[in-house]
Amino acid sequence: MEGLFNPTSIMLHMLNAAILFVAVYFLLFKPVSRILKARREAVMKEVEDARALRAQADAALAEGEAKRDESFAEAIDRAVKIQEQAKEQGERIVVAAKREASAIIETARREAEEMTGNSSEAMRDFAASLAVDISAKILGREITDGDHQRLIDEFLKEVK
């Protein structure tokens, strides 16, 4: 049984296994551990950088939204002010137009009254001169029915 349970052979196998474990530890496990640790640190740094960028992006987004809201409020204020100014200007234009219309109406009324007065005077003058002409013709000679009709026709032609 010496071949199967040989203590020297077992000790050599154990020593061989220990040397193999030490060699594997120093040749593979430590370098791989260093590589994995470096990779883990790089990933953690990238995660932290991403978080920092995310925080900056969130801050920029909040600032942009605040500026947008402020701009929107300013735009509404401007629109309200412009609307109020337009309303006031419209009211001023309406008042000025009413004043101007009243002045035009008053001027037209005065001109109409003046024209009426002038035409009345002209008609009186014309009627008076016509009466004088008719009287002169009547006094100058005797009027017959034919003369009378002719005088009426002439008077009507002159009036027209």
N, C-alpha and C. Protein backbone atom coordinates (compact mmCIF):
# COMPACT_ATOMS: atom_id res chain seq x y z
N MET A 1 0.81 -1.16 0.00
CA MET A 1 0.00 0.00 0.00
C MET A 1 0.87 1.24 0.00
N GLU A 2 1.92 0.89 -0.10
CA GLU A 2 2.87 1.95 -0.06
C GLU A 2 2.70 2.87 -1.27
N GLY A 3 2.27 2.41 -2.33
CA GLY A 3 2.15 3.23 -3.52
C GLY A 3 0.99 4.18 -3.45
N LEU A 4 0.03 3.75 -2.76
CA LEU A 4 -1.16 4.58 -2.72
C LEU A 4 -1.10 5.59 -1.59
N PHE A 5 -0.62 5.20 -0.46
CA PHE A 5 -0.59 6.09 0.68
C PHE A 5 0.84 6.40 1.08
N ASN A 6 1.62 6.69 0.19
CA ASN A 6 3.00 6.98 0.49
C ASN A 6 3.08 8.37 1.08
N PRO A 7 3.55 8.47 2.36
CA PRO A 7 3.57 9.77 2.98
C PRO A 7 4.51 10.73 2.27
N THR A 8 5.57 10.30 1.72
CA THR A 8 6.49 11.19 1.03
C THR A 8 5.82 11.72 -0.23
N SER A 9 5.17 10.88 -0.91
CA SER A 9 4.49 11.28 -2.14
C SER A 9 3.37 12.29 -1.82
N ILE A 10 2.70 12.02 -0.73
CA ILE A 10 1.61 12.93 -0.34
C ILE A 10 2.21 14.26 0.04
N MET A 11 3.31 14.26 0.75
CA MET A 11 3.95 15.51 1.16
C MET A 11 4.45 16.27 -0.07
N LEU A 12 5.00 15.56 -1.02
CA LEU A 12 5.48 16.21 -2.23
C LEU A 12 4.30 16.81 -3.02
N HIS A 13 3.22 16.08 -3.09
CA HIS A 13 2.03 16.59 -3.79
C HIS A 13 1.49 17.83 -3.08
N MET A 14 1.53 17.79 -1.76
CA MET A 14 1.04 18.95 -0.99
C MET A 14 1.98 20.13 -1.19
N LEU A 15 3.28 19.85 -1.18
CA LEU A 15 4.24 20.92 -1.41
C LEU A 15 4.08 21.47 -2.82
N ASN A 16 3.88 20.60 -3.76
CA ASN A 16 3.65 21.00 -5.14
C ASN A 16 2.40 21.87 -5.25
N ALA A 17 1.35 21.46 -4.57
CA ALA A 17 0.10 22.22 -4.59
C ALA A 17 0.29 23.59 -3.94
N ALA A 18 1.04 23.64 -2.85
CA ALA A 18 1.28 24.91 -2.17
C ALA A 18 2.08 25.85 -3.07
N ILE A 19 3.14 25.28 -3.71
CA ILE A 19 3.95 26.11 -4.63
C ILE A 19 3.06 26.60 -5.78
N LEU A 20 2.21 25.71 -6.27
CA LEU A 20 1.31 26.08 -7.36
C LEU A 20 0.35 27.18 -6.91
N PHE A 21 -0.20 27.04 -5.70
CA PHE A 21 -1.09 28.10 -5.19
C PHE A 21 -0.35 29.42 -5.03
N VAL A 22 0.88 29.39 -4.50
CA VAL A 22 1.67 30.61 -4.32
C VAL A 22 1.98 31.21 -5.68
N ALA A 23 2.36 30.37 -6.65
CA ALA A 23 2.68 30.87 -7.98
C ALA A 23 1.44 31.46 -8.64
N VAL A 24 0.32 30.76 -8.52
CA VAL A 24 -0.93 31.26 -9.09
C VAL A 24 -1.31 32.56 -8.40
N TYR A 25 -1.13 32.62 -7.09
CA TYR A 25 -1.48 33.82 -6.34
C TYR A 25 -0.66 35.01 -6.84
N PHE A 26 0.65 34.85 -6.96
CA PHE A 26 1.50 35.97 -7.36
C PHE A 26 1.47 36.23 -8.85
N LEU A 27 1.30 35.19 -9.65
CA LEU A 27 1.34 35.39 -11.09
C LEU A 27 -0.03 35.72 -11.70
N LEU A 28 -1.09 35.23 -11.13
CA LEU A 28 -2.41 35.47 -11.71
C LEU A 28 -3.33 36.28 -10.81
N PHE A 29 -3.51 35.85 -9.57
CA PHE A 29 -4.51 36.47 -8.70
C PHE A 29 -4.17 37.92 -8.41
N LYS A 30 -2.93 38.24 -8.01
CA LYS A 30 -2.57 39.63 -7.70
C LYS A 30 -2.69 40.53 -8.92
N PRO A 31 -2.13 40.18 -10.09
CA PRO A 31 -2.28 41.08 -11.25
C PRO A 31 -3.74 41.23 -11.68
N VAL A 32 -4.47 40.13 -11.65
CA VAL A 32 -5.89 40.21 -12.04
C VAL A 32 -6.64 41.05 -11.02
N SER A 33 -6.30 40.91 -9.72
CA SER A 33 -6.94 41.73 -8.69
C SER A 33 -6.64 43.20 -8.91
N ARG A 34 -5.36 43.50 -9.24
CA ARG A 34 -4.99 44.90 -9.51
C ARG A 34 -5.76 45.43 -10.72
N ILE A 35 -5.85 44.63 -11.75
CA ILE A 35 -6.58 45.06 -12.96
C ILE A 35 -8.05 45.28 -12.64
N LEU A 36 -8.64 44.36 -11.89
CA LEU A 36 -10.05 44.50 -11.52
C LEU A 36 -10.27 45.71 -10.61
N LYS A 37 -9.29 45.93 -9.68
CA LYS A 37 -9.41 47.09 -8.78
C LYS A 37 -9.30 48.38 -9.58
N ALA A 38 -8.36 48.43 -10.54
CA ALA A 38 -8.21 49.62 -11.38
C ALA A 38 -9.47 49.83 -12.23
N ARG A 39 -9.98 48.74 -12.75
CA ARG A 39 -11.21 48.84 -13.55
C ARG A 39 -12.38 49.29 -12.70
N ARG A 40 -12.50 48.76 -11.48
CA ARG A 40 -13.57 49.16 -10.56
C ARG A 40 -13.45 50.64 -10.24
N GLU A 41 -12.21 51.11 -9.97
CA GLU A 41 -12.00 52.54 -9.67
C GLU A 41 -12.36 53.40 -10.87
N ALA A 42 -11.98 52.95 -12.07
CA ALA A 42 -12.31 53.71 -13.28
C ALA A 42 -13.82 53.79 -13.47
N VAL A 43 -14.49 52.67 -13.25
CA VAL A 43 -15.95 52.65 -13.39
C VAL A 43 -16.58 53.56 -12.34
N MET A 44 -16.08 53.50 -11.10
CA MET A 44 -16.62 54.35 -10.04
C MET A 44 -16.39 55.82 -10.37
N LYS A 45 -15.21 56.15 -10.94
CA LYS A 45 -14.92 57.53 -11.33
C LYS A 45 -15.89 57.97 -12.43
N GLU A 46 -16.12 57.10 -13.39
CA GLU A 46 -17.07 57.43 -14.46
C GLU A 46 -18.48 57.61 -13.91
N VAL A 47 -18.86 56.79 -12.96
CA VAL A 47 -20.18 56.93 -12.33
C VAL A 47 -20.27 58.26 -11.60
N GLU A 48 -19.21 58.62 -10.87
CA GLU A 48 -19.21 59.90 -10.15
C GLU A 48 -19.24 61.06 -11.13
N ASP A 49 -18.46 60.96 -12.22
CA ASP A 49 -18.47 62.00 -13.25
C ASP A 49 -19.87 62.12 -13.87
N ALA A 50 -20.49 60.98 -14.11
CA ALA A 50 -21.84 60.99 -14.69
C ALA A 50 -22.83 61.63 -13.71
N ARG A 51 -22.66 61.32 -12.42
CA ARG A 51 -23.55 61.95 -11.43
C ARG A 51 -23.34 63.46 -11.39
N ALA A 52 -22.06 63.88 -11.46
CA ALA A 52 -21.77 65.31 -11.45
C ALA A 52 -22.35 65.99 -12.69
N LEU A 53 -22.18 65.34 -13.84
CA LEU A 53 -22.76 65.89 -15.07
C LEU A 53 -24.27 65.93 -15.00
N ARG A 54 -24.85 64.91 -14.42
CA ARG A 54 -26.31 64.87 -14.26
C ARG A 54 -26.77 66.02 -13.37
N ALA A 55 -26.01 66.26 -12.28
CA ALA A 55 -26.36 67.36 -11.38
C ALA A 55 -26.23 68.70 -12.10
N GLN A 56 -25.18 68.86 -12.91
CA GLN A 56 -25.02 70.09 -13.69
C GLN A 56 -26.15 70.25 -14.69
N ALA A 57 -26.50 69.15 -15.33
CA ALA A 57 -27.59 69.21 -16.31
C ALA A 57 -28.91 69.56 -15.64
N ASP A 58 -29.15 68.97 -14.47
CA ASP A 58 -30.38 69.29 -13.73
C ASP A 58 -30.40 70.76 -13.32
N ALA A 59 -29.23 71.26 -12.88
CA ALA A 59 -29.15 72.68 -12.49
C ALA A 59 -29.38 73.57 -13.71
N ALA A 60 -28.75 73.22 -14.85
CA ALA A 60 -28.95 74.01 -16.07
C ALA A 60 -30.39 73.95 -16.53
N LEU A 61 -31.02 72.78 -16.41
CA LEU A 61 -32.43 72.65 -16.79
C LEU A 61 -33.31 73.51 -15.89
N ALA A 62 -33.05 73.47 -14.60
CA ALA A 62 -33.84 74.30 -13.67
C ALA A 62 -33.64 75.77 -13.97
N GLU A 63 -32.40 76.17 -14.25
CA GLU A 63 -32.13 77.57 -14.57
C GLU A 63 -32.83 77.97 -15.87
N GLY A 64 -32.76 77.06 -16.87
CA GLY A 64 -33.44 77.34 -18.14
C GLY A 64 -34.94 77.46 -17.96
N GLU A 65 -35.51 76.58 -17.16
CA GLU A 65 -36.96 76.66 -16.91
C GLU A 65 -37.32 77.94 -16.18
N ALA A 66 -36.46 78.35 -15.24
CA ALA A 66 -36.72 79.60 -14.51
C ALA A 66 -36.66 80.79 -15.47
N LYS A 67 -35.66 80.78 -16.35
CA LYS A 67 -35.55 81.88 -17.34
C LYS A 67 -36.73 81.86 -18.29
N ARG A 68 -37.16 80.65 -18.69
CA ARG A 68 -38.31 80.55 -19.59
C ARG A 68 -39.56 81.11 -18.91
N ASP A 69 -39.76 80.73 -17.64
CA ASP A 69 -40.93 81.22 -16.92
C ASP A 69 -40.87 82.74 -16.76
N GLU A 70 -39.67 83.25 -16.48
CA GLU A 70 -39.49 84.70 -16.32
C GLU A 70 -39.76 85.40 -17.64
N SER A 71 -39.23 84.85 -18.73
CA SER A 71 -39.46 85.44 -20.05
C SER A 71 -40.93 85.40 -20.41
N PHE A 72 -41.59 84.31 -20.07
CA PHE A 72 -43.02 84.19 -20.36
C PHE A 72 -43.81 85.24 -19.59
N ALA A 73 -43.45 85.41 -18.32
CA ALA A 73 -44.12 86.43 -17.50
C ALA A 73 -43.88 87.82 -18.06
N GLU A 74 -42.64 88.10 -18.48
CA GLU A 74 -42.33 89.40 -19.08
C GLU A 74 -43.12 89.61 -20.36
N ALA A 75 -43.21 88.56 -21.17
CA ALA A 75 -43.96 88.66 -22.42
C ALA A 75 -45.43 88.96 -22.15
N ILE A 76 -45.98 88.31 -21.15
CA ILE A 76 -47.39 88.57 -20.80
C ILE A 76 -47.55 90.00 -20.32
N ASP A 77 -46.62 90.47 -19.47
CA ASP A 77 -46.69 91.85 -18.99
C ASP A 77 -46.61 92.84 -20.15
N ARG A 78 -45.67 92.57 -21.08
CA ARG A 78 -45.55 93.46 -22.24
C ARG A 78 -46.82 93.45 -23.07
N ALA A 79 -47.38 92.27 -23.28
CA ALA A 79 -48.60 92.18 -24.08
C ALA A 79 -49.74 92.95 -23.41
N VAL A 80 -49.84 92.84 -22.10
CA VAL A 80 -50.89 93.56 -21.37
C VAL A 80 -50.66 95.07 -21.49
N LYS A 81 -49.41 95.50 -21.33
CA LYS A 81 -49.11 96.94 -21.44
C LYS A 81 -49.41 97.45 -22.84
N ILE A 82 -49.01 96.68 -23.84
CA ILE A 82 -49.26 97.09 -25.23
C ILE A 82 -50.76 97.15 -25.49
N GLN A 83 -51.50 96.20 -24.97
CA GLN A 83 -52.95 96.19 -25.15
C GLN A 83 -53.56 97.43 -24.48
N GLU A 84 -53.10 97.76 -23.26
CA GLU A 84 -53.61 98.94 -22.57
C GLU A 84 -53.27 100.20 -23.34
N GLN A 85 -52.03 100.29 -23.85
CA GLN A 85 -51.63 101.46 -24.63
C GLN A 85 -52.47 101.58 -25.90
N ALA A 86 -52.71 100.44 -26.55
CA ALA A 86 -53.52 100.46 -27.77
C ALA A 86 -54.95 100.92 -27.46
N LYS A 87 -55.47 100.46 -26.33
CA LYS A 87 -56.83 100.85 -25.94
C LYS A 87 -56.88 102.35 -25.67
N GLU A 88 -55.87 102.86 -24.92
CA GLU A 88 -55.84 104.29 -24.64
C GLU A 88 -55.70 105.10 -25.91
N GLN A 89 -54.82 104.66 -26.80
CA GLN A 89 -54.62 105.37 -28.06
C GLN A 89 -55.90 105.33 -28.89
N GLY A 90 -56.58 104.19 -28.89
CA GLY A 90 -57.85 104.09 -29.61
C GLY A 90 -58.88 105.05 -29.06
N GLU A 91 -58.93 105.15 -27.73
CA GLU A 91 -59.88 106.09 -27.10
C GLU A 91 -59.53 107.53 -27.47
N ARG A 92 -58.22 107.84 -27.48
CA ARG A 92 -57.80 109.20 -27.87
C ARG A 92 -58.18 109.48 -29.32
N ILE A 93 -58.01 108.48 -30.17
CA ILE A 93 -58.35 108.67 -31.59
C ILE A 93 -59.85 108.87 -31.74
N VAL A 94 -60.64 108.10 -31.00
CA VAL A 94 -62.10 108.24 -31.08
C VAL A 94 -62.52 109.63 -30.61
N VAL A 95 -61.94 110.09 -29.48
CA VAL A 95 -62.29 111.41 -28.95
C VAL A 95 -61.91 112.48 -29.97
N ALA A 96 -60.70 112.37 -30.55
CA ALA A 96 -60.27 113.36 -31.54
C ALA A 96 -61.17 113.32 -32.77
N ALA A 97 -61.56 112.12 -33.20
CA ALA A 97 -62.44 112.00 -34.36
C ALA A 97 -63.81 112.60 -34.08
N LYS A 98 -64.32 112.40 -32.86
CA LYS A 98 -65.62 112.98 -32.50
C LYS A 98 -65.52 114.51 -32.51
N ARG A 99 -64.40 115.02 -31.93
CA ARG A 99 -64.22 116.48 -31.93
C ARG A 99 -64.17 117.02 -33.36
N GLU A 100 -63.41 116.33 -34.19
CA GLU A 100 -63.27 116.78 -35.58
C GLU A 100 -64.60 116.67 -36.32
N ALA A 101 -65.34 115.59 -36.07
CA ALA A 101 -66.65 115.43 -36.70
C ALA A 101 -67.60 116.53 -36.26
N SER A 102 -67.56 116.85 -34.96
CA SER A 102 -68.42 117.92 -34.46
C SER A 102 -68.06 119.24 -35.12
N ALA A 103 -66.76 119.50 -35.26
CA ALA A 103 -66.33 120.74 -35.90
C ALA A 103 -66.77 120.78 -37.36
N ILE A 104 -66.65 119.67 -38.05
CA ILE A 104 -67.06 119.61 -39.46
C ILE A 104 -68.57 119.82 -39.58
N ILE A 105 -69.32 119.18 -38.68
CA ILE A 105 -70.78 119.33 -38.71
C ILE A 105 -71.17 120.78 -38.44
N GLU A 106 -70.50 121.39 -37.45
CA GLU A 106 -70.81 122.78 -37.13
C GLU A 106 -70.47 123.70 -38.30
N THR A 107 -69.34 123.46 -38.94
CA THR A 107 -68.95 124.27 -40.10
C THR A 107 -69.97 124.09 -41.23
N ALA A 108 -70.37 122.86 -41.47
CA ALA A 108 -71.35 122.59 -42.52
C ALA A 108 -72.69 123.25 -42.20
N ARG A 109 -73.07 123.22 -40.92
CA ARG A 109 -74.33 123.85 -40.51
C ARG A 109 -74.28 125.37 -40.75
N ARG A 110 -73.13 125.98 -40.36
CA ARG A 110 -72.99 127.42 -40.58
C ARG A 110 -73.02 127.76 -42.07
N GLU A 111 -72.32 126.94 -42.86
CA GLU A 111 -72.30 127.20 -44.31
C GLU A 111 -73.70 127.03 -44.90
N ALA A 112 -74.44 126.02 -44.42
CA ALA A 112 -75.81 125.80 -44.92
C ALA A 112 -76.70 126.97 -44.56
N GLU A 113 -76.56 127.46 -43.31
CA GLU A 113 -77.38 128.61 -42.89
C GLU A 113 -77.01 129.84 -43.72
N GLU A 114 -75.72 130.00 -43.96
CA GLU A 114 -75.27 131.15 -44.75
C GLU A 114 -75.78 131.05 -46.18
N MET A 115 -75.72 129.84 -46.73
CA MET A 115 -76.21 129.66 -48.10
C MET A 115 -77.72 129.87 -48.16
N THR A 116 -78.43 129.41 -47.12
CA THR A 116 -79.87 129.61 -47.08
C THR A 116 -80.20 131.10 -47.03
N GLY A 117 -79.46 131.79 -46.17
CA GLY A 117 -79.68 133.24 -46.06
C GLY A 117 -79.36 133.95 -47.37
N ASN A 118 -78.24 133.55 -47.99
CA ASN A 118 -77.87 134.17 -49.27
C ASN A 118 -78.88 133.87 -50.36
N SER A 119 -79.36 132.63 -50.40
CA SER A 119 -80.33 132.28 -51.45
C SER A 119 -81.66 132.99 -51.20
N SER A 120 -82.04 133.15 -49.91
CA SER A 120 -83.28 133.88 -49.62
C SER A 120 -83.17 135.32 -50.07
N GLU A 121 -82.03 135.95 -49.79
CA GLU A 121 -81.82 137.33 -50.22
C GLU A 121 -81.84 137.43 -51.74
N ALA A 122 -81.18 136.46 -52.40
CA ALA A 122 -81.13 136.48 -53.86
C ALA A 122 -82.52 136.32 -54.44
N MET A 123 -83.34 135.45 -53.82
CA MET A 123 -84.69 135.26 -54.32
C MET A 123 -85.54 136.52 -54.11
N ARG A 124 -85.34 137.17 -52.94
CA ARG A 124 -86.08 138.41 -52.69
C ARG A 124 -85.69 139.49 -53.70
N ASP A 125 -84.37 139.59 -53.93
CA ASP A 125 -83.89 140.57 -54.90
C ASP A 125 -84.44 140.28 -56.29
N PHE A 126 -84.42 138.99 -56.64
CA PHE A 126 -84.92 138.61 -57.96
C PHE A 126 -86.42 138.90 -58.07
N ALA A 127 -87.17 138.53 -57.01
CA ALA A 127 -88.61 138.78 -57.03
C ALA A 127 -88.90 140.28 -57.12
N ALA A 128 -88.11 141.07 -56.39
CA ALA A 128 -88.33 142.51 -56.42
C ALA A 128 -88.04 143.07 -57.80
N SER A 129 -86.93 142.66 -58.41
CA SER A 129 -86.61 143.18 -59.74
C SER A 129 -87.62 142.70 -60.76
N LEU A 130 -88.12 141.48 -60.59
CA LEU A 130 -89.13 140.95 -61.49
C LEU A 130 -90.44 141.75 -61.34
N ALA A 131 -90.77 142.05 -60.08
CA ALA A 131 -91.98 142.84 -59.85
C ALA A 131 -91.84 144.22 -60.49
N VAL A 132 -90.63 144.79 -60.37
CA VAL A 132 -90.41 146.11 -60.98
C VAL A 132 -90.51 146.00 -62.49
N ASP A 133 -89.93 144.98 -63.07
CA ASP A 133 -90.00 144.79 -64.52
C ASP A 133 -91.44 144.60 -64.98
N ILE A 134 -92.17 143.80 -64.24
CA ILE A 134 -93.56 143.54 -64.61
C ILE A 134 -94.37 144.83 -64.49
N SER A 135 -94.11 145.55 -63.40
CA SER A 135 -94.85 146.81 -63.21
C SER A 135 -94.53 147.79 -64.32
N ALA A 136 -93.26 147.85 -64.71
CA ALA A 136 -92.87 148.77 -65.78
C ALA A 136 -93.55 148.39 -67.08
N LYS A 137 -93.63 147.13 -67.33
CA LYS A 137 -94.26 146.67 -68.56
C LYS A 137 -95.77 146.95 -68.52
N ILE A 138 -96.37 146.75 -67.32
CA ILE A 138 -97.79 146.98 -67.19
C ILE A 138 -98.10 148.47 -67.32
N LEU A 139 -97.32 149.28 -66.70
CA LEU A 139 -97.57 150.70 -66.73
C LEU A 139 -97.27 151.30 -68.11
N GLY A 140 -96.38 150.64 -68.80
CA GLY A 140 -96.01 151.15 -70.12
C GLY A 140 -97.12 150.96 -71.13
N ARG A 141 -97.97 150.04 -70.99
CA ARG A 141 -99.06 149.80 -71.93
C ARG A 141 -100.13 148.94 -71.29
N GLU A 142 -101.19 148.75 -71.96
CA GLU A 142 -102.30 147.99 -71.45
C GLU A 142 -102.04 146.51 -71.68
N ILE A 143 -102.44 145.64 -70.74
CA ILE A 143 -102.16 144.22 -70.86
C ILE A 143 -103.41 143.50 -71.35
N THR A 144 -103.20 142.68 -72.33
CA THR A 144 -104.29 141.83 -72.83
C THR A 144 -104.10 140.45 -72.22
N ASP A 145 -105.05 139.56 -72.52
CA ASP A 145 -104.92 138.19 -71.99
C ASP A 145 -103.68 137.51 -72.55
N GLY A 146 -103.38 137.73 -73.76
CA GLY A 146 -102.19 137.13 -74.40
C GLY A 146 -100.91 137.66 -73.75
N ASP A 147 -100.91 139.02 -73.49
CA ASP A 147 -99.74 139.61 -72.83
C ASP A 147 -99.57 139.04 -71.42
N HIS A 148 -100.69 138.91 -70.79
CA HIS A 148 -100.65 138.37 -69.43
C HIS A 148 -100.04 136.95 -69.43
N GLN A 149 -100.50 136.11 -70.37
CA GLN A 149 -99.98 134.74 -70.47
C GLN A 149 -98.49 134.77 -70.82
N ARG A 150 -98.09 135.65 -71.73
CA ARG A 150 -96.69 135.77 -72.13
C ARG A 150 -95.84 136.21 -70.95
N LEU A 151 -96.30 137.15 -70.14
CA LEU A 151 -95.55 137.62 -68.96
C LEU A 151 -95.38 136.49 -67.94
N ILE A 152 -96.41 135.69 -67.77
CA ILE A 152 -96.32 134.56 -66.83
C ILE A 152 -95.30 133.55 -67.33
N ASP A 153 -95.33 133.26 -68.63
CA ASP A 153 -94.38 132.31 -69.20
C ASP A 153 -92.94 132.81 -69.06
N GLU A 154 -92.74 134.10 -69.30
CA GLU A 154 -91.40 134.68 -69.16
C GLU A 154 -90.93 134.63 -67.70
N PHE A 155 -91.85 134.91 -66.81
CA PHE A 155 -91.52 134.87 -65.39
C PHE A 155 -91.11 133.45 -64.97
N LEU A 156 -91.88 132.47 -65.45
CA LEU A 156 -91.55 131.09 -65.12
C LEU A 156 -90.22 130.66 -65.72
N LYS A 157 -89.92 131.13 -66.92
CA LYS A 157 -88.62 130.80 -67.54
C LYS A 157 -87.47 131.41 -66.75
N GLU A 158 -87.64 132.63 -66.28
CA GLU A 158 -86.59 133.28 -65.51
C GLU A 158 -86.39 132.66 -64.13
N VAL A 159 -87.50 132.19 -63.55
CA VAL A 159 -87.40 131.56 -62.22
C VAL A 159 -86.67 130.23 -62.32
N LYS A 160 -86.90 129.53 -63.39
CA LYS A 160 -86.27 128.21 -63.55
C LYS A 160 -84.79 128.42 -63.72
